[in-house]
N, C-alpha and C. Protein backbone atom coordinates (compact mmCIF):
# COMPACT_ATOMS: atom_id res chain seq x y z
N UNK A 1 25.16 78.95 -55.85
CA UNK A 1 25.38 79.19 -57.30
C UNK A 1 25.25 80.98 -57.37
N UNK A 2 26.20 81.35 -58.45
CA UNK A 2 26.05 82.94 -58.59
C UNK A 2 25.41 83.10 -60.01
N UNK A 3 24.27 83.30 -60.46
CA UNK A 3 23.56 83.91 -61.59
C UNK A 3 24.28 85.00 -62.21
N UNK A 4 24.63 83.67 -63.82
CA UNK A 4 25.28 84.31 -64.75
C UNK A 4 24.65 85.65 -65.26
N UNK A 5 25.10 87.24 -65.83
CA UNK A 5 24.58 87.85 -66.16
C UNK A 5 24.10 87.79 -67.51
N UNK A 6 25.32 87.02 -68.35
CA UNK A 6 24.29 86.84 -69.62
C UNK A 6 24.19 88.36 -70.66
N UNK A 7 24.93 89.44 -70.37
CA UNK A 7 24.65 90.57 -71.05
C UNK A 7 24.50 90.30 -72.46
N UNK A 8 25.29 89.39 -73.67
CA UNK A 8 24.49 89.33 -74.38
C UNK A 8 23.47 88.76 -75.14
N UNK A 9 22.75 87.89 -74.15
CA UNK A 9 21.70 86.85 -73.68
C UNK A 9 21.72 85.71 -74.72
N UNK A 10 22.42 85.86 -75.61
CA UNK A 10 22.40 84.52 -76.57
C UNK A 10 23.36 82.94 -75.57
N UNK A 11 23.95 83.49 -73.92
CA UNK A 11 24.92 81.95 -73.55
C UNK A 11 23.87 81.17 -73.29
N UNK A 12 24.39 79.55 -73.22
CA UNK A 12 23.36 78.64 -72.43
C UNK A 12 23.64 78.40 -71.00
N UNK A 13 25.35 79.86 -70.71
CA UNK A 13 25.19 79.40 -69.07
C UNK A 13 24.52 80.30 -68.56
N UNK A 14 23.97 79.44 -67.32
CA UNK A 14 23.11 79.95 -65.97
C UNK A 14 23.38 80.77 -64.84
N UNK A 15 24.56 79.85 -64.64
CA UNK A 15 25.37 80.41 -62.89
C UNK A 15 26.60 79.37 -62.85
N UNK A 16 27.08 79.56 -61.91
CA UNK A 16 28.59 79.73 -61.83
C UNK A 16 28.65 79.50 -60.64
N UNK A 17 29.77 78.86 -59.94
CA UNK A 17 30.70 79.06 -58.49
C UNK A 17 31.96 79.10 -58.12
N UNK A 18 32.54 80.13 -57.80
CA UNK A 18 34.00 79.68 -58.03
C UNK A 18 34.20 79.52 -57.00
N UNK A 19 35.84 78.97 -56.87
CA UNK A 19 36.93 78.32 -55.94
C UNK A 19 38.22 79.01 -56.00
N UNK A 20 38.56 78.77 -54.97
CA UNK A 20 40.42 79.29 -55.10
C UNK A 20 40.90 78.03 -56.49
N UNK A 21 40.77 77.25 -56.91
CA UNK A 21 41.03 76.44 -58.07
C UNK A 21 40.17 75.61 -58.78
N UNK A 22 39.11 76.00 -59.01
CA UNK A 22 37.81 75.31 -59.67
C UNK A 22 36.75 76.64 -60.34
N UNK A 23 36.13 76.45 -61.42
CA UNK A 23 35.22 76.70 -61.48
C UNK A 23 34.03 76.00 -61.88
N UNK A 24 32.73 76.43 -61.62
CA UNK A 24 32.04 75.33 -61.87
C UNK A 24 30.55 76.25 -62.27
N UNK A 25 30.34 75.64 -63.65
CA UNK A 25 29.33 75.94 -64.46
C UNK A 25 28.43 75.67 -65.20
N UNK A 26 26.87 75.53 -64.92
CA UNK A 26 25.88 75.84 -65.00
C UNK A 26 25.39 76.07 -66.12
N UNK A 27 24.51 74.84 -67.15
CA UNK A 27 23.96 75.59 -68.28
C UNK A 27 22.42 75.08 -68.60
N UNK A 28 22.05 75.30 -69.15
CA UNK A 28 20.54 75.45 -69.32
C UNK A 28 20.66 73.82 -69.70
N UNK A 29 19.24 73.18 -69.17
CA UNK A 29 19.10 72.30 -69.54
C UNK A 29 20.13 70.98 -68.97
N UNK A 30 20.75 71.37 -68.28
CA UNK A 30 21.20 70.10 -67.67
C UNK A 30 21.37 70.63 -66.40
N UNK A 31 21.32 69.01 -65.52
CA UNK A 31 21.48 69.06 -64.24
C UNK A 31 22.26 69.42 -63.01
N UNK A 32 23.43 68.72 -63.91
CA UNK A 32 24.61 69.25 -63.04
C UNK A 32 25.96 69.64 -63.51
N UNK A 33 26.42 70.74 -62.96
CA UNK A 33 27.76 72.02 -63.49
C UNK A 33 28.78 70.69 -64.23
N UNK A 34 29.13 71.56 -64.77
CA UNK A 34 30.24 70.91 -65.89
C UNK A 34 31.57 71.71 -64.71
N UNK A 35 32.43 70.98 -64.36
CA UNK A 35 33.68 71.22 -63.38
C UNK A 35 35.04 71.68 -64.28
N UNK A 36 35.24 72.74 -63.95
CA UNK A 36 36.58 73.05 -64.45
C UNK A 36 37.54 73.55 -63.41
N UNK A 37 38.80 72.56 -63.83
CA UNK A 37 39.58 72.37 -62.69
C UNK A 37 41.29 73.26 -63.05
N UNK A 38 41.97 73.94 -61.73
CA UNK A 38 42.97 74.33 -62.53
C UNK A 38 43.94 73.21 -62.93
N UNK A 39 43.76 71.75 -62.57
CA UNK A 39 44.53 70.59 -63.36
C UNK A 39 44.08 69.93 -64.37
N UNK A 40 42.64 70.50 -64.71
CA UNK A 40 42.04 70.09 -66.18
C UNK A 40 42.43 70.96 -67.13
N UNK A 41 42.21 72.36 -66.75
CA UNK A 41 42.61 73.88 -67.69
C UNK A 41 43.73 74.27 -67.38
N UNK A 42 44.40 74.57 -66.54
CA UNK A 42 45.65 74.94 -66.12
C UNK A 42 45.01 76.50 -65.41
N UNK A 43 46.01 77.06 -64.46
CA UNK A 43 45.35 78.19 -63.62
C UNK A 43 45.48 79.59 -64.61
N UNK A 44 46.03 79.74 -65.69
CA UNK A 44 45.70 80.93 -66.43
C UNK A 44 44.25 80.71 -67.15
N UNK A 45 43.74 79.51 -67.05
CA UNK A 45 42.41 79.18 -68.13
C UNK A 45 41.74 79.41 -67.10
N UNK A 46 41.42 78.96 -66.10
CA UNK A 46 40.85 79.11 -64.98
C UNK A 46 40.14 80.72 -64.17
N UNK A 47 41.65 81.36 -64.41
CA UNK A 47 41.60 82.67 -63.83
C UNK A 47 40.68 83.81 -64.77
N UNK A 48 40.93 83.25 -66.04
CA UNK A 48 40.30 83.86 -67.19
C UNK A 48 38.59 83.34 -67.13
N UNK A 49 38.68 82.33 -66.97
CA UNK A 49 37.25 82.20 -67.02
C UNK A 49 36.16 82.64 -65.71
N UNK A 50 36.92 82.73 -64.88
CA UNK A 50 36.49 83.31 -63.40
C UNK A 50 36.13 85.06 -63.97
N UNK A 51 37.32 85.77 -64.38
CA UNK A 51 36.98 86.95 -64.62
C UNK A 51 35.70 86.80 -65.42
N UNK A 52 35.88 86.12 -66.49
CA UNK A 52 33.83 86.24 -68.01
C UNK A 52 32.95 85.98 -66.98
N UNK A 53 32.90 84.98 -66.26
CA UNK A 53 31.75 84.37 -65.22
C UNK A 53 31.45 85.87 -64.32
N UNK A 54 32.50 86.57 -63.90
CA UNK A 54 31.86 87.70 -62.73
C UNK A 54 31.58 88.63 -63.86
N UNK A 55 32.05 89.06 -65.08
CA UNK A 55 31.84 90.10 -66.10
C UNK A 55 30.69 90.03 -66.27
N UNK A 56 30.55 88.62 -66.51
CA UNK A 56 28.42 88.23 -67.15
C UNK A 56 28.74 88.34 -68.78
N UNK A 57 29.99 88.06 -69.25
CA UNK A 57 29.92 88.32 -70.81
C UNK A 57 31.15 87.70 -71.37
N UNK A 58 30.88 86.52 -72.23
CA UNK A 58 32.16 85.85 -72.89
C UNK A 58 32.44 84.32 -72.22
N UNK A 59 31.94 84.78 -71.64
CA UNK A 59 32.38 83.11 -70.90
C UNK A 59 31.95 81.74 -71.91
N UNK A 60 30.83 81.75 -72.41
CA UNK A 60 30.44 80.91 -73.01
C UNK A 60 30.91 80.74 -74.37
N UNK A 61 31.53 81.76 -75.37
CA UNK A 61 32.50 81.29 -76.14
C UNK A 61 33.82 80.88 -75.94
N UNK A 62 34.18 81.67 -74.85
CA UNK A 62 35.65 81.44 -74.13
C UNK A 62 35.61 79.53 -74.05
N UNK A 63 34.70 79.20 -73.66
CA UNK A 63 34.47 77.83 -73.07
C UNK A 63 34.48 76.64 -74.39
N UNK A 64 33.93 77.10 -75.35
CA UNK A 64 33.48 77.14 -76.56
C UNK A 64 35.01 76.65 -77.26
N UNK A 65 35.26 77.51 -77.37
CA UNK A 65 36.79 78.10 -77.94
C UNK A 65 38.21 77.49 -77.99
N UNK A 66 38.58 76.95 -75.78
CA UNK A 66 39.39 77.00 -75.42
C UNK A 66 39.56 76.22 -74.58
N UNK A 67 38.15 75.85 -73.50
CA UNK A 67 38.42 74.81 -72.64
C UNK A 67 38.89 73.24 -73.52
N UNK A 68 39.65 72.49 -72.49
CA UNK A 68 39.67 70.94 -72.56
C UNK A 68 38.80 70.13 -72.02
N UNK A 69 38.33 70.62 -71.29
CA UNK A 69 37.10 69.89 -70.52
C UNK A 69 35.97 69.71 -71.38
N UNK A 70 35.52 69.88 -72.47
CA UNK A 70 34.07 70.25 -72.78
C UNK A 70 34.56 70.05 -74.51
N UNK A 71 33.59 69.34 -74.52
CA UNK A 71 33.84 69.35 -76.65
C UNK A 71 32.39 68.79 -76.82
N UNK A 72 31.93 69.70 -77.36
CA UNK A 72 30.82 68.91 -78.10
C UNK A 72 30.64 68.24 -79.35
């Protein structure tokens, strides 16, 4: 797991793991990561999420607004 930089300091995300066709995201107070895959999200969304994770900014907002996997 890579530590998420959380540059704005408001994210629930604490870490992530990147794969060729997935991103796993660890949230505060969650035991297991949330898995986002090309199958569940589509290639374009996964690539955007990977980029945001590496930048350390905007991933939480993107997941909240765009993800097909997570619904609060």
